[in-house]
């Protein structure tokens, strides 16, 4: 029994040391972006928002942020199925659900895409759940096909594409998922260059689910990672995206948004109470 207690204590101390190291690393590698206090904001930049991946924990929070934002007049959700939050949004009249199966073909949405100002993209899966071919299809082919279709339908600014790619994304990385997500970032930014579109990739660490889905484990992990700015709620991440969209002249196409940057822009969003 004494041996087991010592082993448990050693494991706990090792875990705490790991979190301390992560927080120190996070703090030392903080994002460098600072929202300008006098930035011009376009109140129409987020008039029509489209959300992908709204059935997942991150996308659910992005949808919540869009629905609750007073500058957003209309939200389109593109999904294979619905959720209680999507259903509630549809019932409110602010959300329209577009049931869609083939995320490489958006022909049937051409008229709608011409209206969209802002896209919040959280569509994705873990590299542990699919093989490399399927991972490339979901994380590269899907967003590239969508942006191509969107630019065919609309090139009038303001337009912004916000993709959650995650910390560790690197087109020169050692892992397949790092390289493919990084490749998608570069390809989308290249497609957007010279058009009315700006693209942004979010390198967040831990994205805590919205309060309706979060549990004690989520809040505990959030508390442990907060000192190093390694955690953000999914709703705050959505607020950050909307704020960056509204600041149409502040950040250029292709900007990478660190987790600390997202926190700063979420706090700058009017009506957040921060």
Protein backbone atom coordinates (compact mmCIF):
# COMPACT_ATOMS: atom_id res chain seq x y z
CA UNK A 1 0.00 0.00 0.00
CA UNK A 2 2.82 2.41 0.87
CA UNK A 3 4.53 1.64 -2.43
CA UNK A 4 1.31 2.35 -4.33
CA UNK A 5 0.87 5.67 -2.53
CA UNK A 6 4.43 6.67 -3.38
CA UNK A 7 3.90 5.73 -7.02
CA UNK A 8 0.66 7.72 -7.15
CA UNK A 9 2.37 10.74 -5.57
CA UNK A 10 5.27 10.48 -8.01
CA UNK A 11 2.85 10.30 -10.95
CA UNK A 12 0.96 13.34 -9.67
CA UNK A 13 4.15 15.34 -9.23
CA UNK A 14 5.30 14.36 -12.71
CA UNK A 15 1.96 15.45 -14.17
CA UNK A 16 2.13 18.79 -12.37
CA UNK A 17 5.68 19.30 -13.58
CA UNK A 18 4.49 18.65 -17.12
CA UNK A 19 1.78 21.32 -16.82
CA UNK A 20 4.28 23.77 -15.34
CA UNK A 21 6.65 23.15 -18.25
CA UNK A 22 3.82 23.55 -20.76
CA UNK A 23 2.74 26.84 -19.22
CA UNK A 24 6.28 28.20 -19.16
CA UNK A 25 6.70 27.22 -22.81
CA UNK A 26 3.35 28.77 -23.70
CA UNK A 27 4.16 32.01 -21.90
CA UNK A 28 7.58 32.28 -23.53
CA UNK A 29 6.11 31.75 -27.01
CA UNK A 30 3.15 34.12 -26.68
CA UNK A 31 1.59 35.50 -29.83
CA UNK A 32 2.82 38.90 -30.94
CA UNK A 33 -0.45 40.36 -32.23
CA UNK A 34 -2.07 43.16 -30.25
CA UNK A 35 -5.51 44.50 -31.22
CA UNK A 36 -5.21 48.18 -32.10
CA UNK A 37 -7.26 50.30 -29.75
CA UNK A 38 -8.28 52.74 -32.47
CA UNK A 39 -8.84 50.25 -35.28
CA UNK A 40 -11.55 50.98 -37.82
CA UNK A 41 -14.30 48.39 -37.66
CA UNK A 42 -16.84 47.52 -40.35
CA UNK A 43 -20.20 46.63 -38.73
CA UNK A 44 -21.24 44.87 -41.94
CA UNK A 45 -18.20 42.60 -42.12
CA UNK A 46 -20.01 39.76 -40.32
CA UNK A 47 -23.52 40.43 -41.61
CA UNK A 48 -23.81 36.89 -43.06
CA UNK A 49 -21.80 34.08 -41.44
CA UNK A 50 -21.41 30.46 -42.53
CA UNK A 51 -20.28 27.77 -40.06
CA UNK A 52 -18.75 24.39 -40.88
CA UNK A 53 -18.19 21.68 -38.27
CA UNK A 54 -20.95 22.96 -35.98
CA UNK A 55 -21.72 19.46 -34.71
CA UNK A 56 -18.27 19.21 -33.09
CA UNK A 57 -17.26 20.71 -29.74
CA UNK A 58 -15.26 23.56 -31.31
CA UNK A 59 -17.76 24.34 -34.06
CA UNK A 60 -20.60 24.30 -31.57
CA UNK A 61 -18.96 27.19 -29.72
CA UNK A 62 -18.25 29.07 -32.94
CA UNK A 63 -21.94 28.78 -33.82
CA UNK A 64 -22.92 30.01 -30.35
CA UNK A 65 -20.71 33.07 -30.77
CA UNK A 66 -22.17 33.86 -34.19
CA UNK A 67 -25.78 33.43 -33.06
CA UNK A 68 -25.25 35.63 -30.00
CA UNK A 69 -23.41 38.40 -31.87
CA UNK A 70 -25.63 41.43 -32.60
CA UNK A 71 -23.69 42.33 -35.77
CA UNK A 72 -24.51 38.95 -37.32
CA UNK A 73 -27.87 39.02 -39.11
CA UNK A 74 -27.85 35.55 -40.68
CA UNK A 75 -26.02 32.29 -39.97
CA UNK A 76 -25.85 29.42 -42.44
CA UNK A 77 -24.80 26.07 -40.98
CA UNK A 78 -23.49 23.53 -43.49
CA UNK A 79 -23.70 20.07 -41.98
CA UNK A 80 -24.69 16.46 -42.55
CA UNK A 81 -26.95 16.52 -39.50
CA UNK A 82 -28.45 18.82 -36.90
CA UNK A 83 -27.87 19.35 -33.17
CA UNK A 84 -29.91 20.94 -30.37
CA UNK A 85 -28.03 24.23 -30.83
CA UNK A 86 -28.60 24.23 -34.58
CA UNK A 87 -32.28 23.40 -34.02
CA UNK A 88 -32.62 26.26 -31.53
CA UNK A 89 -30.95 28.65 -33.97
CA UNK A 90 -33.28 27.59 -36.75
CA UNK A 91 -36.29 28.06 -34.46
CA UNK A 92 -35.09 31.59 -33.64
CA UNK A 93 -35.07 32.48 -37.33
CA UNK A 94 -31.38 33.51 -37.32
CA UNK A 95 -29.94 30.17 -38.47
CA UNK A 96 -30.56 28.26 -41.68
CA UNK A 97 -29.38 24.65 -41.82
CA UNK A 98 -28.05 23.43 -45.17
CA UNK A 99 -27.93 19.64 -45.10
CA UNK A 100 -24.93 18.75 -47.23
CA UNK A 101 -23.10 15.50 -47.95
CA UNK A 102 -20.29 16.13 -50.45
CA UNK A 103 -17.84 18.69 -49.08
CA UNK A 104 -15.91 18.81 -52.35
CA UNK A 105 -18.94 20.07 -54.31
CA UNK A 106 -20.83 23.28 -53.52
CA UNK A 107 -22.66 23.74 -56.83
CA UNK A 108 -26.08 23.86 -55.18
CA UNK A 109 -24.97 26.68 -52.87
CA UNK A 110 -23.79 29.18 -55.49
CA UNK A 111 -26.54 31.73 -54.80
CA UNK A 112 -26.08 31.51 -51.04
CA UNK A 113 -22.28 31.79 -51.21
CA UNK A 114 -22.67 35.12 -52.96
CA UNK A 115 -24.18 36.51 -49.72
CA UNK A 116 -21.59 35.22 -47.24
CA UNK A 117 -19.14 37.60 -45.55
CA UNK A 118 -17.49 35.37 -42.96
CA UNK A 119 -16.79 31.62 -42.79
CA UNK A 120 -15.95 29.88 -39.51
CA UNK A 121 -14.38 26.52 -40.42
CA UNK A 122 -14.06 23.86 -37.71
CA UNK A 123 -14.62 20.83 -39.93
CA UNK A 124 -12.07 18.13 -39.20
CA UNK A 125 -11.17 14.91 -37.45
CA UNK A 126 -8.32 13.35 -35.51
CA UNK A 127 -5.47 11.79 -37.47
CA UNK A 128 -5.92 8.77 -35.19
CA UNK A 129 -9.39 8.07 -36.61
CA UNK A 130 -8.63 8.00 -40.35
CA UNK A 131 -5.84 7.02 -42.72
CA UNK A 132 -3.60 9.57 -44.46
CA UNK A 133 -5.70 9.67 -47.62
CA UNK A 134 -8.92 10.41 -45.76
CA UNK A 135 -7.14 12.97 -43.59
CA UNK A 136 -5.93 14.86 -46.67
CA UNK A 137 -9.43 14.75 -48.17
CA UNK A 138 -10.99 16.27 -45.04
CA UNK A 139 -8.32 18.80 -44.11
CA UNK A 140 -7.03 19.91 -47.51
CA UNK A 141 -9.47 19.00 -50.27
CA UNK A 142 -12.61 20.07 -48.37
CA UNK A 143 -11.53 23.64 -47.50
CA UNK A 144 -9.77 24.20 -50.84
CA UNK A 145 -12.90 23.10 -52.73
CA UNK A 146 -15.07 25.38 -50.63
CA UNK A 147 -12.88 28.46 -51.01
CA UNK A 148 -12.70 27.87 -54.76
CA UNK A 149 -16.50 27.74 -54.96
CA UNK A 150 -16.86 30.77 -52.70
CA UNK A 151 -14.53 32.86 -54.85
CA UNK A 152 -16.45 31.80 -57.94
CA UNK A 153 -19.61 33.16 -56.30
CA UNK A 154 -18.23 36.25 -54.58
CA UNK A 155 -15.10 38.40 -54.61
CA UNK A 156 -16.51 41.55 -53.01
CA UNK A 157 -14.99 42.46 -49.67
CA UNK A 158 -15.52 42.15 -46.80
CA UNK A 159 -14.83 38.40 -46.89
CA UNK A 160 -12.88 36.36 -44.36
CA UNK A 161 -12.17 32.66 -43.93
CA UNK A 162 -11.25 31.47 -40.42
CA UNK A 163 -9.93 27.92 -40.06
CA UNK A 164 -9.12 26.10 -36.81
CA UNK A 165 -5.93 24.22 -37.66
CA UNK A 166 -4.41 23.90 -34.19
CA UNK A 167 -1.09 24.25 -32.42
CA UNK A 168 1.68 22.29 -34.10
CA UNK A 169 0.45 22.85 -37.64
CA UNK A 170 3.52 23.21 -39.86
CA UNK A 171 3.87 22.64 -43.63
CA UNK A 172 7.39 21.38 -42.93
CA UNK A 173 6.47 19.29 -39.89
CA UNK A 174 7.43 15.68 -39.31
CA UNK A 175 3.89 14.34 -38.94
CA UNK A 176 1.47 13.94 -41.83
CA UNK A 177 -1.26 15.91 -40.03
CA UNK A 178 1.10 18.83 -39.38
CA UNK A 179 2.13 19.06 -43.01
CA UNK A 180 -1.35 18.65 -44.48
CA UNK A 181 -2.97 21.25 -42.26
CA UNK A 182 -0.07 23.57 -43.03
CA UNK A 183 -0.46 22.89 -46.74
CA UNK A 184 -4.15 23.76 -46.53
CA UNK A 185 -3.31 27.08 -44.83
CA UNK A 186 -0.88 27.99 -47.60
CA UNK A 187 -3.15 26.91 -50.44
CA UNK A 188 -6.15 28.83 -49.11
CA UNK A 189 -4.05 31.97 -48.53
CA UNK A 190 -2.65 31.71 -52.08
CA UNK A 191 -6.15 31.37 -53.53
CA UNK A 192 -7.31 34.41 -51.56
CA UNK A 193 -4.42 36.64 -52.64
CA UNK A 194 -5.56 39.50 -54.84
CA UNK A 195 -9.26 38.85 -54.20
CA UNK A 196 -11.62 40.39 -51.66
CA UNK A 197 -10.91 37.48 -49.30
CA UNK A 198 -8.65 37.32 -46.24
CA UNK A 199 -7.83 33.92 -44.73
CA UNK A 200 -6.74 33.25 -41.16
CA UNK A 201 -5.52 30.06 -39.47
CA UNK A 202 -5.91 29.57 -35.72
CA UNK A 203 -3.15 27.68 -33.91
CA UNK A 204 -5.02 27.12 -30.68
CA UNK A 205 -3.92 24.56 -28.11
CA UNK A 206 -6.84 23.38 -25.93
CA UNK A 207 -10.24 24.71 -27.01
CA UNK A 208 -12.66 24.23 -24.14
CA UNK A 209 -16.20 23.29 -25.23
CA UNK A 210 -19.02 25.77 -24.71
CA UNK A 211 -20.51 25.79 -21.22
CA UNK A 212 -23.44 23.56 -22.21
CA UNK A 213 -21.03 20.78 -23.21
CA UNK A 214 -18.16 21.35 -20.78
CA UNK A 215 -17.66 19.18 -17.71
CA UNK A 216 -15.43 19.24 -14.63
CA UNK A 217 -12.51 17.69 -16.50
CA UNK A 218 -12.66 20.42 -19.15
CA UNK A 219 -12.71 23.20 -16.56
CA UNK A 220 -9.89 21.58 -14.59
CA UNK A 221 -7.72 21.35 -17.70
CA UNK A 222 -8.62 24.94 -18.54
CA UNK A 223 -7.45 26.11 -15.11
CA UNK A 224 -4.18 24.19 -15.44
CA UNK A 225 -3.37 25.63 -18.88
CA UNK A 226 -4.57 29.20 -18.38
CA UNK A 227 -1.25 30.61 -17.00
CA UNK A 228 0.51 29.84 -20.29
CA UNK A 229 -2.32 31.17 -22.45
CA UNK A 230 -2.77 27.65 -23.85
CA UNK A 231 -6.56 27.47 -23.51
CA UNK A 232 -9.53 29.35 -24.92
CA UNK A 233 -13.24 28.58 -24.87
CA UNK A 234 -14.80 27.70 -28.21
CA UNK A 235 -17.19 30.64 -27.87
CA UNK A 236 -14.32 33.07 -27.23
CA UNK A 237 -12.53 31.64 -30.26
CA UNK A 238 -15.61 32.48 -32.31
CA UNK A 239 -15.66 36.01 -30.88
CA UNK A 240 -12.01 36.43 -31.84
CA UNK A 241 -12.78 35.37 -35.41
CA UNK A 242 -15.67 37.81 -35.69
CA UNK A 243 -13.56 40.65 -34.26
CA UNK A 244 -10.72 39.98 -36.69
CA UNK A 245 -13.25 39.97 -39.53
CA UNK A 246 -14.63 43.32 -38.42
CA UNK A 247 -11.14 44.88 -38.40
CA UNK A 248 -10.94 44.76 -42.18
CA UNK A 249 -7.71 46.78 -42.46
CA UNK A 250 -5.77 45.41 -39.48
CA UNK A 251 -4.49 41.92 -40.34
CA UNK A 252 -3.47 40.76 -43.83
CA UNK A 253 -4.51 37.61 -45.66
CA UNK A 254 -2.62 34.53 -44.47
CA UNK A 255 -2.03 35.69 -40.89
CA UNK A 256 -1.51 32.89 -38.35
CA UNK A 257 -3.41 33.51 -35.12
CA UNK A 258 -1.76 32.15 -31.97
CA UNK A 259 -3.91 31.15 -29.00
CA UNK A 260 -2.83 34.22 -27.02
CA UNK A 261 -3.73 36.36 -30.04
CA UNK A 262 -7.20 34.80 -30.09
CA UNK A 263 -7.67 35.60 -26.41
CA UNK A 264 -6.70 39.24 -27.02
CA UNK A 265 -9.09 39.67 -29.94
CA UNK A 266 -11.94 37.95 -28.09
CA UNK A 267 -11.49 40.43 -25.24
CA UNK A 268 -11.57 43.28 -27.74
CA UNK A 269 -14.93 42.18 -29.14
CA UNK A 270 -17.65 44.70 -28.15
CA UNK A 271 -20.15 43.27 -25.70
CA UNK A 272 -17.87 40.58 -24.26
CA UNK A 273 -17.78 42.23 -20.85
CA UNK A 274 -13.97 42.13 -20.75
